[in-house]
Amino acid sequence: MKRLRVKDKPKKKTKREVHISKVLIYTGVVALILFLSIYFLIILSLKLADSTKVNGSNQYLLSQTKDDTNTTLVVLESGNDQAKKISEAYLFLTNKNKEESILIYIPGWIYYGGLEEDFGNSVAVSSFRYAGDFLQEGRGIEYSIWQIGQMLGIKVDNYIWFSPDSVKSYSSIYGDTSGVEDKLREYYKVSGEDALNDPFFKLSTMSSRYSVLKNMLGISKLIGLSKFGSSNLSFTEYLDFFANLNKTVSSTETYGIDLSFFRYSTEDLSSSGGQIRYINTTEFDNVYRGLIAKIIDRSLEKERVRVEIYNGSGVAGAAKQFGRKIENAGCDVVRYENAPTTIDRTVLYIADEVSFANSLKVVSEVLSGSYDLVKGRPDFMTTGDIVVVLGQDIKQMYSF
């Protein structure tokens, strides 16, 4: 029998269907990648002016030592042109390893004594930049950083300076920063019967308004923000500070010090006869030193160093000013006195460099590394583990 051969029917050629939805998805992904690439390129290319680097003052205005503790000064200005003034400043210290932080609020209206030699009277924080520009044109930011450091007895690692234009740029990108969210109050503890007034929370409000999405939507405004601001940080580090501030505050035990609270200032008459309030540095130091003891590195705590400061610089009050910064950095200063003679260069004496290695770093940082190191003791009676004799070379620091 013959088998019947069944022929297969030829398959019809089908046209490849084009799915519009897939095309749109692919196009969207490509566009997103392109946008993100451009966004990150712009972010990485933006730079902030650094007044301290231009004039070389960063070597003694800012800390050069990297350790577990980080200190950032944020200054906000208001007004226009000749009417510009510092409205407020904030100092944020944190040690993430010890999970401890401090935020200090500095109102612009508070006065700082000790500037009478240059200006004939005390100067308010609000006028620090103007005063600095008056002494040396164009160096008002550096002068302000120096005087805030002198006023608080603290040397900072970083600074962020908001001109009035950069304050406006920040608000236009991230929204109004004048309100206070109730949850922000829960982040902070206070010492004793202290209270935190609404202006204290402005920096935290700025952080809560920050978002990467707003950066992307306001990329052109970010360019203006970088143009008008000043900092020793890179622009990405600048943004990271605000992105992470509240995260750090909420994840660490954070204490607030509000210098607008009455215990931190004393009322007196100005040279013109008006009532002004001066910072009470003694009260501030008492509270601050109790809190900084929780933040400093454990290795520094264990050394229990005793430091002596002698003034051979010819600068009145220098021993106390430098000694105060050393104490506020966590070391115990047991004596301030005048040196037997004036000397040209600062000398740091230490008998046991190994046992007091961490304390030596702290003292060295306050002196900005500008000194001669001598293993031993000076030729006059001392009992400290570290002895500092200030020389005339410290005058360069007072030129900010």
Protein backbone atom coordinates (compact mmCIF):
# COMPACT_ATOMS: atom_id res chain seq x y z
CA MET A 1 0.00 0.00 0.00
CA LYS A 2 1.16 3.41 -0.74
CA ARG A 3 1.44 5.73 2.16
CA LEU A 4 -0.19 9.03 1.73
CA ARG A 5 2.20 11.88 2.28
CA VAL A 6 0.61 14.76 3.98
CA LYS A 7 2.25 18.02 3.20
CA ASP A 8 2.61 20.52 6.01
CA LYS A 9 0.91 23.74 5.48
CA PRO A 10 3.36 26.57 5.06
CA LYS A 11 3.54 28.79 8.14
CA LYS A 12 2.44 32.29 7.68
CA LYS A 13 5.04 34.93 8.36
CA THR A 14 3.95 37.08 11.26
CA LYS A 15 4.90 40.67 11.61
CA ARG A 16 6.83 41.59 14.78
CA GLU A 17 4.59 43.65 16.94
CA VAL A 18 5.99 46.86 18.37
CA HIS A 19 4.88 47.42 21.96
CA ILE A 20 4.66 51.15 22.57
CA SER A 21 4.67 50.64 26.33
CA LYS A 22 8.07 48.93 26.21
CA VAL A 23 9.48 51.68 24.04
CA LEU A 24 8.25 54.26 26.50
CA ILE A 25 9.77 52.35 29.41
CA TYR A 26 13.15 51.99 27.67
CA THR A 27 13.09 55.64 26.65
CA GLY A 28 12.22 56.66 30.23
CA VAL A 29 15.05 54.57 31.68
CA VAL A 30 17.56 56.05 29.24
CA ALA A 31 16.30 59.56 29.98
CA LEU A 32 16.52 58.91 33.74
CA ILE A 33 20.07 57.59 33.47
CA LEU A 34 21.02 60.58 31.35
CA PHE A 35 19.38 62.99 33.82
CA LEU A 36 21.08 61.38 36.83
CA SER A 37 24.42 61.44 35.04
CA ILE A 38 24.04 65.15 34.30
CA TYR A 39 22.82 65.78 37.87
CA PHE A 40 25.82 64.09 39.47
CA LEU A 41 28.22 65.75 37.06
CA ILE A 42 26.81 69.15 38.01
CA ILE A 43 26.89 68.34 41.75
CA LEU A 44 30.49 67.15 41.56
CA SER A 45 31.54 70.20 39.56
CA LEU A 46 30.07 72.76 41.98
CA LYS A 47 32.53 74.35 44.37
CA LEU A 48 32.25 76.65 47.36
CA ALA A 49 34.61 79.54 47.96
CA ASP A 50 36.83 79.05 51.02
CA SER A 51 37.97 82.36 52.50
CA THR A 52 40.30 80.63 54.96
CA LYS A 53 42.20 78.81 52.24
CA VAL A 54 42.63 81.88 50.05
CA ASN A 55 44.53 83.69 52.80
CA GLY A 56 46.14 80.64 54.41
CA SER A 57 44.37 81.18 57.73
CA ASN A 58 42.85 77.67 57.67
CA GLN A 59 46.05 76.39 59.30
CA TYR A 60 45.17 78.06 62.61
CA LEU A 61 41.46 78.86 62.31
CA LEU A 62 40.43 75.27 61.58
CA SER A 63 41.47 72.02 63.21
CA GLN A 64 43.92 69.97 61.17
CA THR A 65 43.61 66.84 63.33
CA LYS A 66 41.25 64.05 62.29
CA ASP A 67 39.74 62.10 65.18
CA ASP A 68 36.40 60.66 66.28
CA THR A 69 35.02 64.09 67.21
CA ASN A 70 33.80 66.41 64.46
CA THR A 71 32.91 70.09 64.99
CA THR A 72 31.10 72.21 62.39
CA LEU A 73 30.29 75.93 62.63
CA VAL A 74 27.28 77.17 60.60
CA VAL A 75 26.79 80.94 60.27
CA LEU A 76 23.69 82.58 58.75
CA GLU A 77 23.57 86.19 57.58
CA SER A 78 20.61 88.47 56.86
CA GLY A 79 20.18 91.92 55.32
CA ASN A 80 21.61 93.46 52.17
CA ASP A 81 24.91 95.06 51.15
CA GLN A 82 26.18 97.34 53.95
CA ALA A 83 23.31 96.24 56.22
CA LYS A 84 24.42 92.59 56.21
CA LYS A 85 24.79 91.05 59.64
CA ILE A 86 25.06 87.66 61.31
CA SER A 87 21.56 86.70 62.42
CA GLU A 88 22.57 83.46 64.17
CA ALA A 89 25.26 80.82 64.30
CA TYR A 90 25.34 77.16 65.33
CA LEU A 91 28.11 74.88 66.49
CA PHE A 92 27.52 71.15 66.10
CA LEU A 93 29.85 68.64 67.76
CA THR A 94 29.44 64.89 67.45
CA ASN A 95 31.28 61.69 68.26
CA LYS A 96 29.39 58.90 66.51
CA ASN A 97 31.54 56.21 68.11
CA LYS A 98 30.42 57.35 71.56
CA GLU A 99 26.94 58.27 70.24
CA GLU A 100 27.08 61.71 71.84
CA SER A 101 26.47 65.16 70.29
CA ILE A 102 26.11 68.83 71.28
CA LEU A 103 24.37 71.63 69.37
CA ILE A 104 25.08 75.22 70.46
CA TYR A 105 22.89 78.12 69.32
CA ILE A 106 24.56 81.57 69.18
CA PRO A 107 22.15 84.52 68.74
CA GLY A 108 23.42 87.48 66.75
CA TRP A 109 22.48 89.96 69.47
CA ILE A 110 24.82 88.58 72.13
CA TYR A 111 27.96 90.65 72.84
CA TYR A 112 31.52 89.49 73.38
CA GLY A 113 33.94 91.53 75.51
CA GLY A 114 37.67 91.75 74.87
CA LEU A 115 37.54 93.67 71.59
CA GLU A 116 37.78 97.11 73.16
CA GLU A 117 41.39 97.57 72.07
CA ASP A 118 40.39 97.51 68.38
CA PHE A 119 36.97 99.16 68.55
CA GLY A 120 36.74 101.00 71.86
CA ASN A 121 33.82 98.84 73.02
CA SER A 122 32.43 95.32 72.89
CA VAL A 123 31.09 93.93 69.62
CA ALA A 124 27.93 91.90 69.03
CA VAL A 125 28.18 88.61 67.13
CA SER A 126 25.97 90.19 64.45
CA SER A 127 28.75 92.71 63.69
CA PHE A 128 31.72 90.31 63.62
CA ARG A 129 31.97 90.23 59.84
CA TYR A 130 31.66 94.00 59.53
CA ALA A 131 34.31 94.44 62.23
CA GLY A 132 36.68 92.05 60.44
CA ASP A 133 36.21 93.78 57.09
CA PHE A 134 36.87 97.10 58.82
CA LEU A 135 40.21 95.84 60.17
CA GLN A 136 41.24 94.04 56.98
CA GLU A 137 39.05 94.42 53.93
CA GLY A 138 37.67 91.14 52.60
CA ARG A 139 38.57 89.09 55.69
CA GLY A 140 35.36 89.43 57.67
CA ILE A 141 34.47 85.73 57.42
CA GLU A 142 37.84 84.68 58.82
CA TYR A 143 37.57 87.24 61.61
CA SER A 144 34.11 85.94 62.52
CA ILE A 145 35.29 82.33 62.69
CA TRP A 146 38.22 83.42 64.88
CA GLN A 147 36.09 85.51 67.26
CA ILE A 148 33.36 82.88 67.62
CA GLY A 149 36.14 80.41 68.46
CA GLN A 150 37.55 82.88 71.01
CA MET A 151 34.14 83.55 72.48
CA LEU A 152 33.34 79.85 72.99
CA GLY A 153 36.89 78.65 73.57
CA ILE A 154 36.47 76.05 70.81
CA LYS A 155 38.40 75.34 67.63
CA VAL A 156 36.26 73.99 64.78
CA ASP A 157 36.98 71.41 62.10
CA ASN A 158 34.69 72.86 59.43
CA TYR A 159 32.62 75.94 58.74
CA ILE A 160 29.61 76.67 56.52
CA TRP A 161 28.83 80.31 55.80
CA PHE A 162 25.42 81.39 54.49
CA SER A 163 25.32 84.85 52.95
CA PRO A 164 21.83 86.45 52.71
CA ASP A 165 21.64 85.27 49.09
CA SER A 166 22.55 81.68 49.94
CA VAL A 167 19.93 81.69 52.75
CA LYS A 168 17.35 82.70 50.13
CA SER A 169 18.62 80.05 47.71
CA TYR A 170 18.38 77.34 50.37
CA SER A 171 14.79 78.33 51.20
CA SER A 172 13.79 78.46 47.53
CA ILE A 173 15.09 74.91 47.00
CA TYR A 174 13.96 73.20 50.19
CA GLY A 175 11.13 75.38 51.50
CA ASP A 176 10.57 77.74 54.43
CA THR A 177 12.84 77.08 57.42
CA SER A 178 11.15 79.37 59.95
CA GLY A 179 8.79 76.84 61.54
CA VAL A 180 9.62 74.36 64.30
CA GLU A 181 8.40 70.78 64.07
CA ASP A 182 7.36 69.27 67.39
CA LYS A 183 9.37 66.09 66.75
CA LEU A 184 12.59 68.15 66.58
CA ARG A 185 12.17 69.15 70.23
CA GLU A 186 12.19 65.49 71.23
CA TYR A 187 15.71 65.00 69.86
CA TYR A 188 17.45 67.28 72.36
CA LYS A 189 18.29 67.09 76.04
CA VAL A 190 19.35 70.06 78.18
CA SER A 191 21.54 70.58 81.20
CA GLY A 192 19.74 71.29 84.48
CA GLU A 193 16.89 73.78 84.15
CA ASP A 194 17.95 75.05 80.72
CA ALA A 195 15.36 75.69 78.01
CA LEU A 196 15.62 75.76 74.21
CA ASN A 197 13.89 78.65 72.44
CA ASP A 198 12.44 78.39 68.92
CA PRO A 199 15.47 79.89 67.08
CA PHE A 200 17.60 77.05 68.47
CA PHE A 201 15.81 74.62 66.15
CA LYS A 202 16.38 76.48 62.88
CA LEU A 203 19.39 74.36 61.88
CA SER A 204 17.43 71.16 62.51
CA THR A 205 14.52 72.59 60.51
CA MET A 206 16.89 73.25 57.62
CA SER A 207 17.99 69.63 57.81
CA SER A 208 14.41 68.32 57.92
CA ARG A 209 13.53 70.28 54.75
CA TYR A 210 16.46 68.80 52.83
CA SER A 211 15.85 66.08 50.21
CA VAL A 212 17.68 64.73 47.16
CA LEU A 213 14.48 64.99 45.12
CA LYS A 214 14.34 68.74 45.79
CA ASN A 215 17.97 68.93 44.67
CA MET A 216 17.05 67.35 41.36
CA LEU A 217 14.02 69.58 40.85
CA GLY A 218 16.01 72.69 41.75
CA ILE A 219 19.34 71.91 40.11
CA SER A 220 19.65 75.42 38.66
CA LYS A 221 19.10 76.91 42.14
CA LEU A 222 21.80 74.65 43.57
CA ILE A 223 24.26 76.45 41.33
CA GLY A 224 23.23 79.74 43.00
CA LEU A 225 23.56 78.12 46.43
CA SER A 226 27.17 77.18 45.67
CA LYS A 227 27.92 80.60 44.21
CA PHE A 228 26.86 82.61 47.26
CA GLY A 229 28.05 80.30 50.06
CA SER A 230 31.46 79.75 51.63
CA SER A 231 32.94 76.65 53.29
CA ASN A 232 36.08 74.57 53.60
CA LEU A 233 33.91 71.54 52.73
CA SER A 234 33.33 70.26 49.22
CA PHE A 235 29.84 70.91 47.87
CA THR A 236 28.83 67.26 48.31
CA GLU A 237 30.09 67.31 51.93
CA TYR A 238 28.13 70.54 52.44
CA LEU A 239 24.93 68.85 51.24
CA ASP A 240 25.70 65.73 53.28
CA PHE A 241 25.90 67.82 56.44
CA PHE A 242 22.26 68.89 56.08
CA ALA A 243 21.17 65.49 54.84
CA ASN A 244 22.62 63.78 57.92
CA LEU A 245 22.30 66.35 60.73
CA ASN A 246 18.92 65.20 62.04
CA LYS A 247 19.83 61.55 61.48
CA THR A 248 22.88 62.07 63.70
CA VAL A 249 20.92 64.02 66.30
CA SER A 250 18.18 61.39 66.51
CA SER A 251 20.61 58.46 66.65
CA THR A 252 22.90 59.93 69.34
CA GLU A 253 22.31 61.41 72.78
CA THR A 254 22.27 65.09 71.85
CA TYR A 255 22.40 68.01 74.26
CA GLY A 256 21.39 71.54 73.33
CA ILE A 257 22.97 74.74 74.65
CA ASP A 258 20.93 77.84 73.81
CA LEU A 259 22.96 80.99 74.46
CA SER A 260 19.79 83.07 74.28
CA PHE A 261 18.75 81.42 77.58
CA PHE A 262 19.25 83.95 80.40
CA ARG A 263 21.87 81.96 82.36
CA TYR A 264 24.41 82.32 79.53
CA SER A 265 24.48 86.12 79.42
CA THR A 266 24.71 89.09 81.75
CA GLU A 267 23.11 92.49 81.26
CA ASP A 268 25.17 95.66 81.30
CA LEU A 269 25.31 99.18 79.87
CA SER A 270 26.96 99.78 76.52
CA SER A 271 29.32 102.71 75.94
CA SER A 272 26.36 104.57 74.42
CA GLY A 273 24.25 103.97 77.51
CA GLY A 274 21.93 101.27 76.15
CA GLN A 275 21.29 97.86 77.71
CA ILE A 276 23.14 94.95 76.09
CA ARG A 277 23.78 91.34 77.06
CA TYR A 278 27.30 89.88 77.21
CA ILE A 279 28.03 86.18 76.98
CA ASN A 280 28.76 84.68 80.39
CA THR A 281 31.78 82.57 79.44
CA THR A 282 32.17 81.15 82.96
CA GLU A 283 28.63 79.75 82.97
CA PHE A 284 29.00 78.46 79.42
CA ASP A 285 32.32 76.74 80.19
CA ASN A 286 30.88 75.03 83.26
CA VAL A 287 28.03 73.50 81.27
CA TYR A 288 30.05 72.79 78.15
CA ARG A 289 32.89 71.01 79.97
CA GLY A 290 30.41 68.75 81.70
CA LEU A 291 29.01 67.74 78.31
CA ILE A 292 32.28 67.56 76.35
CA ALA A 293 33.55 65.00 78.86
CA LYS A 294 30.98 62.63 77.35
CA ILE A 295 32.18 63.27 73.81
CA ILE A 296 35.99 63.28 73.93
CA ASP A 297 37.94 60.15 73.01
CA ARG A 298 38.27 57.58 75.79
CA SER A 299 42.03 57.42 75.27
CA LEU A 300 42.27 61.13 76.13
CA GLU A 301 40.15 60.66 79.25
CA LYS A 302 42.45 57.93 80.57
CA GLU A 303 45.58 60.10 80.42
CA ARG A 304 44.33 62.65 83.00
CA VAL A 305 46.95 65.16 81.87
CA ARG A 306 47.88 68.32 83.82
CA VAL A 307 48.78 71.29 81.61
CA GLU A 308 50.44 74.59 82.53
CA ILE A 309 50.39 77.69 80.28
CA TYR A 310 52.88 80.56 80.57
CA ASN A 311 52.58 83.74 78.54
CA GLY A 312 55.84 84.93 77.01
CA SER A 313 54.18 86.44 73.93
CA GLY A 314 53.51 90.00 74.99
CA VAL A 315 49.82 89.49 74.07
CA ALA A 316 47.73 90.34 77.14
CA GLY A 317 45.50 87.48 78.29
CA ALA A 318 46.90 84.98 75.81
CA ALA A 319 47.67 82.30 78.42
CA LYS A 320 44.08 82.28 79.62
CA GLN A 321 42.65 82.26 76.09
CA PHE A 322 44.79 79.36 74.91
CA GLY A 323 44.37 77.55 78.22
CA ARG A 324 40.59 77.86 77.96
CA LYS A 325 40.60 76.22 74.52
CA ILE A 326 42.77 73.39 75.84
CA GLU A 327 40.38 72.86 78.78
CA ASN A 328 37.34 72.97 76.51
CA ALA A 329 39.01 70.30 74.37
CA GLY A 330 39.11 67.93 77.34
CA CYS A 331 42.46 68.51 79.09
CA ASP A 332 42.95 69.82 82.61
CA VAL A 333 44.83 73.14 82.79
CA VAL A 334 46.17 73.65 86.31
CA ARG A 335 48.04 76.96 85.95
CA TYR A 336 48.03 80.19 83.88
CA GLU A 337 50.87 82.62 84.49
CA ASN A 338 53.24 85.03 82.80
CA ALA A 339 56.56 83.56 81.69
CA PRO A 340 59.76 84.90 83.30
CA THR A 341 60.76 86.48 79.97
CA THR A 342 59.34 87.21 76.54
CA ILE A 343 60.38 84.67 73.89
CA ASP A 344 60.20 84.70 70.09
CA ARG A 345 58.81 81.22 69.44
CA THR A 346 56.35 79.09 71.42
CA VAL A 347 57.88 76.11 73.22
CA LEU A 348 56.01 72.98 74.34
CA TYR A 349 57.71 70.91 77.05
CA ILE A 350 56.74 67.30 77.71
CA ALA A 351 58.65 64.83 79.88
CA ASP A 352 56.71 61.67 78.92
CA GLU A 353 55.55 61.82 75.31
CA VAL A 354 54.27 58.21 75.27
CA SER A 355 52.01 58.45 78.34
CA PHE A 356 50.43 61.71 77.16
CA ALA A 357 50.36 61.16 73.39
CA ASN A 358 46.66 62.03 72.96
CA SER A 359 46.88 65.07 75.21
CA LEU A 360 49.87 66.25 73.19
CA LYS A 361 47.72 66.10 70.03
CA VAL A 362 45.06 68.25 71.68
CA VAL A 363 47.52 70.90 72.88
CA SER A 364 49.34 70.84 69.54
CA GLU A 365 46.07 71.43 67.71
CA VAL A 366 45.18 74.44 69.84
CA LEU A 367 48.66 75.85 69.13
CA SER A 368 48.13 75.08 65.41
CA GLY A 369 51.34 73.03 65.37
CA SER A 370 53.43 76.19 65.56
CA TYR A 371 55.93 75.52 68.36
CA ASP A 372 59.25 73.91 69.28
CA LEU A 373 58.89 70.58 71.06
CA VAL A 374 61.29 69.94 73.95
CA LYS A 375 61.44 66.64 75.84
CA GLY A 376 61.92 67.74 79.43
CA ARG A 377 61.03 70.75 81.55
CA PRO A 378 61.70 74.49 81.38
CA ASP A 379 64.41 76.04 83.57
CA PHE A 380 61.84 77.45 86.01
CA MET A 381 59.68 75.55 88.52
CA THR A 382 56.77 73.64 86.97
CA THR A 383 54.78 70.55 87.92
CA GLY A 384 52.57 69.94 84.86
CA ASP A 385 52.81 66.93 82.54
CA ILE A 386 52.76 69.34 79.58
CA VAL A 387 54.09 72.90 79.90
CA VAL A 388 53.47 75.53 77.21
CA VAL A 389 55.40 78.81 77.04
CA LEU A 390 53.72 81.06 74.48
CA GLY A 391 56.01 83.09 72.25
CA GLN A 392 55.57 86.19 70.12
CA ASP A 393 54.87 83.97 67.09
CA ILE A 394 51.25 83.52 68.27
CA LYS A 395 50.56 87.11 67.16
CA GLN A 396 49.98 85.82 63.64
CA MET A 397 46.88 84.01 64.92
CA TYR A 398 45.49 87.26 66.25
CA SER A 399 45.76 88.74 62.77
CA PHE A 400 43.19 86.09 61.76
